[in-house]
Amino acid sequence: MTVTIFFADVHPRREVLVLLRHRRPMIDIVDESYVRAEPQAVRAELDVPGVLDGLWPGLQRQTVQDRGAKGVRWLCAGEVEGRLEIWLEASGGGTIVHHFVHGRSQGSPARWSKVHRRRWKQGLNQIKDRLEGRSR
């Protein structure tokens, strides 16, 4: 869409064009979970082949910063274009798993966020149960 705006202090024959782009909706997810295990053990579970692909289907990841037992930062493309991060913080004999997703959505951000949060929590709870020796 092109909008023409005329300004009083601009020469009468000059016009300024303002181009408006349709912006895609934003996704902004922040999540924290406590796992009673060392950060290295949590990271090892997240590094099992296919785990992150299962937790984040529809997202292609490119590693920006691998921080070892402290987590990973990625750029993502696909259903969301933006950034992902898992930050592993040692705390109280275990690990706080911080999870961030920030970017622009291809579709409904509310629906995508709801589905993603549910999938993330279910997957992380399975990891938590394995590391803490629980069964559901």
Foldseek 3Di string as FASTA:
>chain_A
DKDWDDDPPDPPVDIDIDDDDDFFDKAKDKDKDWALAQLQLLVVVCPDPPLVCQLDPQKDWDWDDQPHSQWTKTAIDGQWGGIWIWGWDDDDNTTMTIIIDIGGGPDDNVVVNVVSVVSNVVSVVVSRCVRVVHDD
